[in-house]
N, C-alpha and C. Protein backbone atom coordinates (compact mmCIF):
# COMPACT_ATOMS: atom_id res chain seq x y z
N UNK A 1 -28.47 -11.71 5.43
CA UNK A 1 -28.17 -10.23 5.45
C UNK A 1 -26.70 -9.87 5.05
N UNK A 2 -26.53 -8.99 4.44
CA UNK A 2 -25.24 -8.55 3.90
C UNK A 2 -24.35 -7.87 4.99
N UNK A 3 -23.24 -8.45 5.38
CA UNK A 3 -22.52 -7.61 6.66
C UNK A 3 -22.25 -6.47 6.06
N UNK A 4 -22.00 -5.61 6.92
CA UNK A 4 -21.43 -4.27 6.77
C UNK A 4 -19.99 -4.33 6.41
N UNK A 5 -19.52 -3.43 5.62
CA UNK A 5 -18.27 -3.61 5.01
C UNK A 5 -17.51 -2.13 5.65
N UNK A 6 -16.29 -2.21 6.10
CA UNK A 6 -15.54 -1.12 6.80
C UNK A 6 -14.19 -1.17 6.05
N UNK A 7 -13.71 -0.08 5.62
CA UNK A 7 -12.39 0.15 5.17
C UNK A 7 -11.58 0.79 6.02
N UNK A 8 -10.59 0.04 6.64
CA UNK A 8 -9.78 0.76 7.67
C UNK A 8 -8.71 1.61 7.25
N UNK A 9 -9.04 2.76 6.43
CA UNK A 9 -8.07 3.45 5.84
C UNK A 9 -8.76 4.88 5.62
N UNK A 10 -7.93 5.91 5.66
CA UNK A 10 -8.39 7.30 5.19
C UNK A 10 -7.75 7.58 3.83
N UNK A 11 -7.10 6.64 3.29
CA UNK A 11 -6.27 6.91 1.86
C UNK A 11 -7.62 7.22 0.91
N UNK A 12 -7.55 8.37 0.15
CA UNK A 12 -8.60 8.54 -0.83
C UNK A 12 -8.36 7.73 -2.01
N UNK A 13 -7.22 7.31 -2.50
CA UNK A 13 -6.93 6.36 -3.42
C UNK A 13 -7.55 4.97 -3.11
N UNK A 14 -7.51 4.37 -1.92
CA UNK A 14 -7.91 3.22 -1.70
C UNK A 14 -9.58 3.25 -1.57
N UNK A 15 -10.15 4.57 -0.99
CA UNK A 15 -11.54 4.57 -0.99
C UNK A 15 -12.07 4.89 -2.31
N UNK A 16 -11.26 5.44 -3.36
CA UNK A 16 -11.85 5.60 -4.68
C UNK A 16 -11.92 4.32 -5.27
N UNK A 17 -10.96 3.27 -5.21
CA UNK A 17 -11.09 1.94 -5.72
C UNK A 17 -12.28 1.33 -5.28
N UNK A 18 -12.55 1.41 -3.88
CA UNK A 18 -13.84 0.64 -3.40
C UNK A 18 -14.96 1.41 -4.00
N UNK A 19 -15.11 2.66 -3.98
CA UNK A 19 -16.40 3.19 -4.65
C UNK A 19 -16.56 2.90 -5.91
N UNK A 20 -15.34 3.02 -6.84
CA UNK A 20 -15.41 2.75 -8.34
C UNK A 20 -15.81 1.32 -8.44
N UNK A 21 -15.44 0.49 -7.70
CA UNK A 21 -16.32 -1.04 -7.81
C UNK A 21 -17.55 -1.36 -7.38
N UNK A 22 -18.26 -0.32 -6.91
CA UNK A 22 -19.64 -0.29 -6.57
C UNK A 22 -19.75 -0.69 -5.11
N UNK A 23 -18.78 -0.89 -4.41
CA UNK A 23 -19.15 -1.23 -2.98
C UNK A 23 -19.67 -0.27 -1.89
N UNK A 24 -20.58 -0.57 -1.17
CA UNK A 24 -21.11 0.12 -0.06
C UNK A 24 -20.35 -0.17 1.26
N UNK A 25 -19.53 0.99 1.74
CA UNK A 25 -18.78 0.69 2.71
C UNK A 25 -18.69 2.03 3.50
N UNK A 26 -18.31 2.01 4.77
CA UNK A 26 -17.73 3.05 5.51
C UNK A 26 -16.07 3.16 5.63
N UNK A 27 -15.47 4.03 5.76
CA UNK A 27 -14.23 4.18 5.84
C UNK A 27 -13.58 4.89 7.17
N UNK A 28 -12.91 4.30 8.02
CA UNK A 28 -12.71 4.87 9.19
C UNK A 28 -11.01 4.53 9.28
N UNK A 29 -10.29 5.42 9.81
CA UNK A 29 -8.82 5.52 9.88
C UNK A 29 -8.52 4.60 11.16
N UNK A 30 -7.52 3.77 10.99
CA UNK A 30 -6.97 2.99 12.01
C UNK A 30 -5.93 3.71 12.85
N UNK A 31 -6.02 3.58 14.20
CA UNK A 31 -5.20 4.33 15.00
C UNK A 31 -4.22 3.58 15.57
N UNK A 32 -3.27 3.35 14.64
CA UNK A 32 -2.09 2.43 15.35
C UNK A 32 -0.62 3.17 14.84
N UNK A 33 0.29 2.76 15.68
CA UNK A 33 1.53 3.38 15.32
C UNK A 33 2.37 2.31 14.53
N UNK A 34 2.25 2.79 13.19
CA UNK A 34 2.98 1.76 12.18
C UNK A 34 4.42 1.75 12.48
N UNK A 35 5.18 2.66 12.75
CA UNK A 35 6.49 2.86 12.98
C UNK A 35 6.96 1.75 14.05
N UNK A 36 6.15 1.82 15.17
CA UNK A 36 6.30 1.04 16.37
C UNK A 36 6.09 -0.56 16.21
N UNK A 37 5.18 -0.79 15.32
CA UNK A 37 4.90 -2.13 14.96
C UNK A 37 5.82 -2.54 13.84
N UNK A 38 6.43 -1.78 12.97
CA UNK A 38 7.46 -2.20 12.01
C UNK A 38 8.85 -2.54 12.53
N UNK A 39 9.14 -1.59 13.60
CA UNK A 39 10.64 -1.65 14.05
C UNK A 39 11.04 -2.95 14.57
N UNK A 40 10.12 -3.68 15.38
CA UNK A 40 10.73 -5.08 15.93
C UNK A 40 10.70 -6.00 14.73
N UNK A 41 9.80 -5.87 13.92
CA UNK A 41 9.71 -6.78 12.84
C UNK A 41 10.95 -6.78 11.86
N UNK A 42 11.24 -5.44 11.56
CA UNK A 42 12.44 -5.32 10.67
C UNK A 42 13.80 -5.89 11.42
N UNK A 43 13.64 -5.86 12.82
CA UNK A 43 15.00 -6.35 13.59
C UNK A 43 14.94 -7.79 13.60
N UNK A 44 13.74 -8.40 13.37
CA UNK A 44 13.59 -9.81 13.47
C UNK A 44 13.82 -10.30 12.27
N UNK A 45 14.16 -9.67 11.06
CA UNK A 45 14.30 -10.11 9.90
C UNK A 45 13.17 -10.51 9.03
N UNK A 46 11.82 -9.88 9.43
CA UNK A 46 10.71 -10.11 8.80
C UNK A 46 10.94 -9.74 7.20
N UNK A 47 10.26 -10.42 6.41
CA UNK A 47 10.19 -10.13 4.97
C UNK A 47 9.35 -9.00 4.76
N UNK A 48 9.51 -8.08 3.58
CA UNK A 48 8.73 -7.11 3.12
C UNK A 48 7.14 -7.65 3.14
N UNK A 49 6.77 -8.67 2.77
CA UNK A 49 5.57 -9.28 2.63
C UNK A 49 5.00 -9.36 4.03
N UNK A 50 5.80 -10.07 4.98
CA UNK A 50 5.29 -10.16 6.20
C UNK A 50 5.14 -8.77 7.18
N UNK A 51 5.99 -7.78 6.69
CA UNK A 51 5.44 -6.67 7.28
C UNK A 51 4.26 -5.81 6.80
N UNK A 52 4.07 -5.95 5.48
CA UNK A 52 2.86 -5.23 4.90
C UNK A 52 1.63 -6.15 5.56
N UNK A 53 1.80 -7.54 5.70
CA UNK A 53 0.60 -8.30 6.33
C UNK A 53 0.30 -8.00 7.78
N UNK A 54 1.25 -7.84 8.42
CA UNK A 54 1.25 -7.53 9.94
C UNK A 54 0.41 -6.11 10.07
N UNK A 55 0.78 -5.15 9.23
CA UNK A 55 0.31 -3.85 9.33
C UNK A 55 -1.08 -3.83 8.80
N UNK A 56 -1.38 -4.60 7.81
CA UNK A 56 -2.74 -4.61 7.36
C UNK A 56 -3.76 -5.11 8.26
N UNK A 57 -3.16 -6.11 9.06
CA UNK A 57 -4.01 -6.87 10.02
C UNK A 57 -4.25 -5.93 11.07
N UNK A 58 -3.31 -5.37 11.58
CA UNK A 58 -3.22 -4.45 12.67
C UNK A 58 -4.20 -3.33 12.26
N UNK A 59 -4.22 -2.77 11.24
CA UNK A 59 -5.16 -1.72 10.91
C UNK A 59 -6.59 -2.20 10.91
N UNK A 60 -6.86 -3.36 10.24
CA UNK A 60 -8.33 -4.01 10.52
C UNK A 60 -8.76 -4.35 11.76
N UNK A 61 -7.66 -4.89 12.42
CA UNK A 61 -7.90 -5.55 13.93
C UNK A 61 -8.42 -4.16 14.87
N UNK A 62 -7.63 -3.00 14.63
CA UNK A 62 -8.09 -1.91 15.59
C UNK A 62 -9.36 -1.49 15.12
N UNK A 63 -9.70 -1.34 13.89
CA UNK A 63 -10.86 -0.62 13.60
C UNK A 63 -12.05 -1.73 13.75
N UNK A 64 -11.83 -3.23 13.69
CA UNK A 64 -12.97 -4.11 14.00
C UNK A 64 -13.30 -3.96 15.53
N UNK A 65 -12.48 -3.58 16.40
CA UNK A 65 -12.99 -3.46 17.70
C UNK A 65 -13.81 -2.41 17.96
N UNK A 66 -13.95 -1.36 17.04
CA UNK A 66 -14.81 -0.35 17.20
C UNK A 66 -16.23 -0.63 16.22
N UNK A 67 -16.18 -1.61 15.57
CA UNK A 67 -17.34 -1.89 14.67
C UNK A 67 -17.58 -3.41 14.73
N UNK A 68 -18.27 -3.81 15.92
CA UNK A 68 -18.71 -5.38 15.99
C UNK A 68 -19.48 -5.87 14.99
N UNK A 69 -19.07 -7.03 14.41
CA UNK A 69 -19.86 -7.66 13.40
C UNK A 69 -19.43 -7.39 11.83
N UNK A 70 -18.83 -6.26 11.92
CA UNK A 70 -18.45 -5.64 10.58
C UNK A 70 -17.26 -6.55 9.92
N UNK A 71 -17.46 -6.56 8.54
CA UNK A 71 -16.06 -7.09 7.79
C UNK A 71 -15.31 -5.87 7.57
N UNK A 72 -14.10 -5.85 8.28
CA UNK A 72 -13.12 -4.80 8.19
C UNK A 72 -11.90 -5.18 7.30
N UNK A 73 -11.75 -4.39 6.35
CA UNK A 73 -10.67 -4.35 5.30
C UNK A 73 -9.54 -3.72 5.56
N UNK A 74 -8.46 -4.20 5.78
CA UNK A 74 -7.06 -3.58 6.10
C UNK A 74 -6.23 -3.73 5.16
N UNK A 75 -5.39 -2.75 4.73
CA UNK A 75 -4.41 -2.85 3.70
C UNK A 75 -3.20 -2.11 4.10
N UNK A 76 -2.14 -2.56 3.47
CA UNK A 76 -0.79 -1.96 3.67
C UNK A 76 0.07 -2.33 2.47
N UNK A 77 1.13 -1.37 2.35
CA UNK A 77 2.11 -1.79 1.20
C UNK A 77 3.47 -1.39 1.64
N UNK A 78 4.28 -2.33 1.20
CA UNK A 78 5.96 -1.96 1.57
C UNK A 78 6.50 -1.98 0.16
N UNK A 79 7.72 -1.03 0.20
CA UNK A 79 8.36 -0.86 -1.08
C UNK A 79 9.76 -1.71 -0.87
N UNK A 80 10.20 -2.53 -1.71
CA UNK A 80 11.40 -3.06 -1.36
C UNK A 80 12.31 -3.11 -2.40
N UNK A 81 13.59 -3.17 -2.18
CA UNK A 81 14.70 -3.48 -3.24
C UNK A 81 15.55 -4.25 -2.75
N UNK A 82 15.35 -5.61 -3.27
CA UNK A 82 16.02 -6.78 -2.57
C UNK A 82 15.46 -6.90 -1.27
N UNK A 83 16.37 -6.92 -0.22
CA UNK A 83 16.03 -7.13 1.19
C UNK A 83 15.41 -5.73 1.84
N UNK A 84 16.13 -4.73 1.28
CA UNK A 84 15.81 -3.42 1.72
C UNK A 84 14.35 -2.84 1.74
N UNK A 85 13.96 -2.46 2.96
CA UNK A 85 12.52 -1.84 2.86
C UNK A 85 12.73 -0.45 2.99
N UNK A 86 11.85 0.27 2.12
CA UNK A 86 12.02 1.64 2.18
C UNK A 86 10.73 2.40 2.85
N UNK A 87 10.99 3.66 3.30
CA UNK A 87 10.00 4.25 3.94
C UNK A 87 9.69 5.71 3.40
N UNK A 88 8.91 6.55 3.44
CA UNK A 88 8.56 7.52 2.92
C UNK A 88 9.73 8.65 3.07
N UNK A 89 10.13 9.35 2.13
CA UNK A 89 11.30 10.10 2.44
C UNK A 89 10.99 11.36 3.36
N UNK A 90 12.05 11.83 4.32
CA UNK A 90 11.80 12.55 5.47
C UNK A 90 11.77 14.10 4.70
N UNK A 91 12.43 14.39 3.62
CA UNK A 91 12.66 15.63 3.09
C UNK A 91 12.93 15.50 1.79
N UNK A 92 13.33 16.61 0.95
CA UNK A 92 13.80 16.58 -0.43
C UNK A 92 15.02 15.81 -0.77
N UNK A 93 16.12 16.12 0.24
CA UNK A 93 17.07 15.59 -0.10
C UNK A 93 17.12 13.92 0.05
N UNK A 94 16.21 13.47 1.02
CA UNK A 94 16.11 12.22 1.25
C UNK A 94 15.08 11.45 0.08
N UNK A 95 14.33 12.30 -0.69
CA UNK A 95 13.65 11.78 -1.95
C UNK A 95 14.73 11.65 -3.13
N UNK A 96 15.60 12.58 -3.04
CA UNK A 96 16.60 12.30 -4.21
C UNK A 96 17.35 11.12 -3.88
N UNK A 97 17.85 11.10 -2.51
CA UNK A 97 18.57 9.60 -2.35
C UNK A 97 17.81 8.43 -2.87
N UNK A 98 16.32 8.39 -2.59
CA UNK A 98 15.67 7.32 -2.85
C UNK A 98 15.80 7.19 -4.40
N UNK A 99 15.56 8.22 -5.13
CA UNK A 99 15.49 8.05 -6.51
C UNK A 99 17.05 7.51 -7.04
N UNK A 100 17.90 8.15 -6.46
CA UNK A 100 19.39 7.61 -6.94
C UNK A 100 19.53 6.17 -6.59
N UNK A 101 19.03 5.43 -5.38
CA UNK A 101 19.25 4.23 -5.25
C UNK A 101 18.26 3.38 -6.10
N UNK A 102 17.21 3.95 -6.52
CA UNK A 102 16.19 3.14 -7.31
C UNK A 102 16.53 3.24 -9.00
N UNK A 103 17.36 4.04 -9.31
CA UNK A 103 17.92 4.40 -10.54
C UNK A 103 18.41 3.31 -11.38
N UNK A 104 17.95 2.76 -12.22
CA UNK A 104 18.64 1.75 -13.11
C UNK A 104 18.20 0.29 -12.50
N UNK A 105 17.43 0.17 -11.54
CA UNK A 105 17.04 -1.04 -11.04
C UNK A 105 15.51 -1.38 -10.99
N UNK A 106 15.22 -2.66 -10.61
CA UNK A 106 13.75 -2.94 -10.47
C UNK A 106 13.36 -3.08 -8.93
N UNK A 107 12.43 -2.35 -8.55
CA UNK A 107 12.02 -2.44 -7.12
C UNK A 107 10.54 -3.28 -7.07
N UNK A 108 10.31 -3.50 -6.00
CA UNK A 108 8.78 -4.22 -5.85
C UNK A 108 7.81 -3.43 -4.72
N UNK A 109 6.97 -3.53 -5.06
CA UNK A 109 5.72 -3.11 -4.32
C UNK A 109 4.78 -4.32 -3.84
N UNK A 110 4.90 -4.45 -2.46
CA UNK A 110 4.27 -5.69 -1.73
C UNK A 110 2.96 -5.16 -0.98
N UNK A 111 1.87 -5.44 -1.69
CA UNK A 111 0.65 -4.97 -1.24
C UNK A 111 -0.21 -5.91 -0.42
N UNK A 112 -0.45 -5.86 0.63
CA UNK A 112 -1.11 -6.65 1.50
C UNK A 112 -2.56 -6.16 1.99
N UNK A 113 -3.41 -7.18 2.03
CA UNK A 113 -4.85 -7.04 2.28
C UNK A 113 -5.29 -8.00 3.17
N UNK A 114 -6.00 -7.55 4.22
CA UNK A 114 -6.79 -8.55 5.23
C UNK A 114 -8.12 -8.37 5.60
N UNK A 115 -9.00 -9.20 5.76
CA UNK A 115 -10.33 -9.14 6.30
C UNK A 115 -10.35 -9.60 7.79
N UNK A 116 -11.01 -8.70 8.57
CA UNK A 116 -10.94 -9.02 9.92
C UNK A 116 -12.48 -8.77 10.35
N UNK A 117 -12.78 -9.68 11.19
CA UNK A 117 -14.38 -9.52 11.96
C UNK A 117 -13.97 -9.82 13.30
N UNK A 118 -14.56 -8.89 14.40
CA UNK A 118 -14.46 -9.09 15.67
C UNK A 118 -13.16 -9.36 16.22
N UNK A 119 -12.01 -8.93 15.56
CA UNK A 119 -10.58 -9.04 15.93
C UNK A 119 -9.98 -10.45 15.29
N UNK A 120 -10.78 -11.32 14.69
CA UNK A 120 -10.49 -12.41 14.04
C UNK A 120 -10.13 -12.38 12.50
N UNK A 121 -8.77 -12.62 12.09
CA UNK A 121 -8.53 -12.54 10.54
C UNK A 121 -9.06 -13.79 10.07
N UNK A 122 -10.11 -13.21 8.90
CA UNK A 122 -10.72 -14.22 8.17
C UNK A 122 -9.85 -14.69 6.94
N UNK A 123 -9.07 -13.71 6.47
CA UNK A 123 -8.42 -13.90 5.16
C UNK A 123 -7.28 -12.88 5.10
N UNK A 124 -6.29 -13.26 4.48
CA UNK A 124 -5.16 -12.37 4.07
C UNK A 124 -4.76 -12.56 2.73
N UNK A 125 -4.10 -11.79 2.28
CA UNK A 125 -3.51 -11.87 0.54
C UNK A 125 -2.24 -10.97 0.50
N UNK A 126 -1.18 -11.17 -0.17
CA UNK A 126 -0.42 -10.18 -0.58
C UNK A 126 -0.12 -10.33 -2.08
N UNK A 127 -0.17 -9.27 -2.96
CA UNK A 127 0.23 -9.02 -4.26
C UNK A 127 1.34 -8.32 -4.65
N UNK A 128 1.87 -8.60 -5.60
CA UNK A 128 3.41 -7.82 -5.96
C UNK A 128 3.10 -7.14 -7.38
N UNK A 129 3.83 -5.96 -7.56
CA UNK A 129 4.06 -5.31 -8.75
C UNK A 129 5.71 -5.15 -8.78
N UNK A 130 6.25 -5.34 -9.85
CA UNK A 130 7.72 -5.15 -10.14
C UNK A 130 7.79 -3.84 -11.10
N UNK A 131 8.39 -2.99 -10.54
CA UNK A 131 8.69 -1.77 -11.19
C UNK A 131 10.20 -1.32 -11.63
N UNK A 132 10.49 -1.24 -12.89
CA UNK A 132 11.76 -0.92 -13.39
C UNK A 132 11.96 0.66 -13.48
N UNK A 133 12.96 1.12 -12.92
CA UNK A 133 13.14 2.72 -13.11
C UNK A 133 14.40 2.78 -13.91
N UNK A 134 14.15 3.62 -15.06
CA UNK A 134 15.27 3.55 -15.97
C UNK A 134 16.60 4.40 -15.16
N UNK A 135 17.73 4.40 -15.73
CA UNK A 135 18.92 5.02 -15.16
C UNK A 135 18.77 6.59 -15.01
N UNK A 136 18.99 7.17 -13.86
CA UNK A 136 18.86 8.59 -13.65
C UNK A 136 19.98 9.22 -13.40
N UNK A 137 20.02 10.46 -13.99
CA UNK A 137 21.24 11.33 -13.56
C UNK A 137 20.98 12.32 -12.44
N UNK A 138 21.96 12.61 -11.78
CA UNK A 138 21.59 13.58 -10.45
C UNK A 138 20.92 15.00 -10.97
N UNK A 139 21.33 15.27 -12.08
CA UNK A 139 20.89 16.57 -12.83
C UNK A 139 19.34 16.40 -12.99
N UNK A 140 18.95 15.27 -13.59
CA UNK A 140 17.31 14.94 -13.93
C UNK A 140 16.70 14.71 -12.73
N UNK A 141 17.28 14.03 -11.75
CA UNK A 141 16.59 13.92 -10.32
C UNK A 141 16.31 15.31 -9.74
N UNK A 142 17.23 16.30 -9.87
CA UNK A 142 17.19 17.48 -9.33
C UNK A 142 15.83 18.40 -10.05
N UNK A 143 16.10 18.26 -11.33
CA UNK A 143 14.86 19.01 -12.18
C UNK A 143 13.60 18.42 -11.82
N UNK A 144 13.73 16.94 -11.64
CA UNK A 144 12.25 16.38 -11.67
C UNK A 144 11.80 16.74 -10.12
N UNK A 145 12.47 16.63 -9.22
CA UNK A 145 12.07 17.02 -7.97
C UNK A 145 11.67 18.51 -7.74
N UNK A 146 12.39 19.28 -8.54
CA UNK A 146 12.04 20.74 -8.26
C UNK A 146 10.69 20.95 -9.12
N UNK A 147 10.36 20.28 -10.18
CA UNK A 147 8.89 20.23 -10.74
C UNK A 147 7.87 19.60 -9.90
N UNK A 148 8.08 18.57 -9.37
CA UNK A 148 6.98 17.80 -8.47
C UNK A 148 6.95 18.29 -7.20
N UNK A 149 7.98 19.00 -6.45
CA UNK A 149 7.83 19.54 -5.10
C UNK A 149 7.42 18.53 -4.21
N UNK A 150 6.82 19.02 -3.23
CA UNK A 150 6.53 18.26 -1.93
C UNK A 150 5.61 16.81 -2.18
N UNK A 151 5.13 16.78 -3.51
CA UNK A 151 4.30 15.63 -3.77
C UNK A 151 5.46 14.41 -3.55
N UNK A 152 6.54 14.44 -3.85
CA UNK A 152 7.51 13.52 -3.70
C UNK A 152 7.57 12.98 -2.38
N UNK A 153 7.38 13.73 -1.34
CA UNK A 153 7.23 13.17 -0.11
C UNK A 153 6.21 12.41 0.29
N UNK A 154 5.22 12.29 -0.50
CA UNK A 154 3.90 11.76 -0.26
C UNK A 154 3.71 10.23 -0.42
N UNK A 155 4.92 9.76 -1.10
CA UNK A 155 4.99 8.24 -1.44
C UNK A 155 6.21 7.70 -1.00
N UNK A 156 6.35 6.31 -0.76
CA UNK A 156 7.55 5.76 -0.32
C UNK A 156 8.79 5.91 -1.37
N UNK A 157 8.20 5.73 -2.51
CA UNK A 157 9.22 5.64 -3.55
C UNK A 157 9.58 7.16 -4.17
N UNK A 158 9.01 8.12 -3.49
CA UNK A 158 9.26 9.51 -4.01
C UNK A 158 8.82 9.72 -5.56
N UNK A 159 7.81 8.97 -5.85
CA UNK A 159 7.11 9.31 -7.27
C UNK A 159 5.75 9.34 -7.12
N UNK A 160 4.98 9.67 -8.05
CA UNK A 160 3.43 9.26 -8.28
C UNK A 160 3.21 8.75 -9.81
N UNK A 161 2.94 7.63 -9.88
CA UNK A 161 2.85 7.01 -11.23
C UNK A 161 1.66 7.82 -12.00
N UNK A 162 0.96 8.26 -11.34
CA UNK A 162 -0.35 9.05 -11.92
C UNK A 162 -0.07 10.40 -12.52
N UNK A 163 1.11 10.89 -12.05
CA UNK A 163 1.69 12.15 -12.61
C UNK A 163 2.89 11.95 -13.35
N UNK A 164 3.79 13.16 -13.18
CA UNK A 164 5.21 13.07 -13.84
C UNK A 164 6.02 11.66 -13.64
N UNK A 165 5.73 11.43 -12.26
CA UNK A 165 6.51 9.93 -11.84
C UNK A 165 6.53 8.87 -12.93
N UNK A 166 5.59 8.98 -13.71
CA UNK A 166 5.60 7.86 -14.96
C UNK A 166 6.86 7.97 -15.66
N UNK A 167 7.44 9.23 -15.93
CA UNK A 167 8.46 9.30 -16.61
C UNK A 167 9.93 8.88 -16.15
N UNK A 168 9.63 8.32 -14.87
CA UNK A 168 10.98 7.85 -14.39
C UNK A 168 11.01 6.39 -14.75
N UNK A 169 9.95 5.68 -15.32
CA UNK A 169 9.90 4.16 -15.40
C UNK A 169 10.25 3.63 -16.91
N UNK A 170 10.79 2.54 -17.02
CA UNK A 170 11.17 1.92 -18.33
C UNK A 170 10.09 0.61 -18.25
N UNK A 171 9.71 0.09 -17.35
CA UNK A 171 8.80 -1.20 -17.39
C UNK A 171 8.04 -1.39 -16.08
N UNK A 172 6.77 -1.65 -16.10
CA UNK A 172 5.99 -2.07 -15.02
C UNK A 172 5.25 -3.46 -15.22
N UNK A 173 5.39 -4.35 -14.30
CA UNK A 173 4.87 -5.62 -14.30
C UNK A 173 4.06 -5.62 -13.03
N UNK A 174 2.47 -5.65 -13.16
CA UNK A 174 1.73 -5.56 -11.90
C UNK A 174 0.47 -4.74 -12.29
N UNK A 175 -0.64 -5.12 -11.58
CA UNK A 175 -1.90 -4.55 -11.84
C UNK A 175 -2.02 -2.98 -11.12
N UNK A 176 -2.94 -2.22 -11.65
CA UNK A 176 -3.33 -0.96 -11.13
C UNK A 176 -3.48 -1.02 -9.71
N UNK A 177 -4.30 -1.74 -9.35
CA UNK A 177 -4.88 -1.94 -8.07
C UNK A 177 -3.60 -2.23 -6.90
N UNK A 178 -2.76 -3.08 -7.28
CA UNK A 178 -1.64 -3.44 -6.43
C UNK A 178 -0.79 -2.29 -6.27
N UNK A 179 -0.55 -1.68 -7.27
CA UNK A 179 0.30 -0.45 -7.22
C UNK A 179 -0.36 0.49 -6.43
N UNK A 180 -1.65 0.91 -6.44
CA UNK A 180 -2.16 1.79 -5.47
C UNK A 180 -2.32 1.05 -4.10
N UNK A 181 -2.18 -0.12 -3.91
CA UNK A 181 -2.05 -0.62 -2.57
C UNK A 181 -3.23 -1.22 -1.87
N UNK A 182 -4.13 -1.60 -2.83
CA UNK A 182 -5.26 -2.54 -2.48
C UNK A 182 -5.57 -3.32 -3.73
N UNK A 183 -5.27 -4.81 -3.73
CA UNK A 183 -5.52 -5.96 -4.51
C UNK A 183 -6.70 -6.02 -4.49
N UNK A 184 -7.61 -5.40 -5.71
CA UNK A 184 -8.99 -5.63 -5.84
C UNK A 184 -9.63 -6.89 -6.23
N UNK A 185 -8.92 -7.47 -7.16
CA UNK A 185 -9.60 -8.67 -7.86
C UNK A 185 -9.49 -9.85 -6.70
N UNK A 186 -8.37 -9.97 -5.83
CA UNK A 186 -8.39 -11.15 -4.81
C UNK A 186 -9.67 -10.63 -3.69
N UNK A 187 -9.50 -9.35 -3.45
CA UNK A 187 -10.28 -9.04 -2.42
C UNK A 187 -11.96 -9.09 -2.85
N UNK A 188 -12.23 -8.74 -4.01
CA UNK A 188 -13.60 -9.02 -4.46
C UNK A 188 -14.08 -10.60 -4.49
N UNK A 189 -12.92 -11.37 -4.93
CA UNK A 189 -13.35 -12.80 -4.92
C UNK A 189 -13.77 -13.23 -3.60
N UNK A 190 -12.97 -12.77 -2.60
CA UNK A 190 -13.08 -13.30 -1.19
C UNK A 190 -14.47 -12.69 -0.50
N UNK A 191 -14.75 -11.50 -1.09
CA UNK A 191 -15.97 -10.70 -0.24
C UNK A 191 -17.29 -11.59 -1.06
N UNK A 192 -17.25 -11.90 -2.29
CA UNK A 192 -18.28 -12.91 -2.87
C UNK A 192 -18.27 -14.19 -2.18
N UNK A 193 -17.18 -14.82 -1.80
CA UNK A 193 -17.21 -15.91 -1.09
C UNK A 193 -17.91 -15.94 0.32
N UNK A 194 -17.69 -14.75 0.81
CA UNK A 194 -18.17 -14.47 2.40
C UNK A 194 -19.57 -13.91 2.25
N UNK A 195 -20.18 -13.94 0.81
CA UNK A 195 -21.54 -13.32 0.83
C UNK A 195 -21.68 -12.03 1.14
N UNK A 196 -20.60 -11.15 1.12
CA UNK A 196 -20.78 -9.96 1.65
C UNK A 196 -20.88 -8.84 0.43
N UNK A 197 -20.78 -9.37 -0.87
CA UNK A 197 -21.25 -8.53 -1.94
C UNK A 197 -22.08 -9.56 -2.92
N UNK A 198 -22.78 -8.81 -3.82
CA UNK A 198 -23.55 -9.68 -4.86
C UNK A 198 -22.71 -10.64 -5.75
N UNK A 199 -22.87 -11.92 -5.65
CA UNK A 199 -21.93 -12.58 -6.17
C UNK A 199 -22.66 -13.26 -7.90
């Protein structure tokens, strides 16, 4: 019998990726305090990959306690520039600071995914995308943020690749699924291995 799949996320983008792949699943948000989990990790010197994995497992673990026997998929993404991990901008001034720091540099998206059943981590994976933002002037940043408005506050990098944010970039290495925060190809391979989807 095919195990029930649950996506531990309220993200419309991650749900869209699962639906587009033809997966039958339920989506339920995880009730965790991400900042409370992240803070001690960052103080202990955890890598951006480790932070993303711990959060993905925490999300899946919390939801798995509500859905016994289900395969619960948790995912999370961190954005890093070297050792520095970024968080969503608090306001438009913070968004402008993010773009100033990222301009002319290549940052990394670290997308973690985990499968948990009855509180046990069955599998975990981290995929990466490298994104190079072209040099940006303060004037351009101000005009860009004025055009996109509060959408800039919805993502860690203060940009949306699917919208005007694409104008910020000069090179992107990494697949679409990793950039959206759910590495679908390794996830699908593992679900087939677990006989959770048609192989």
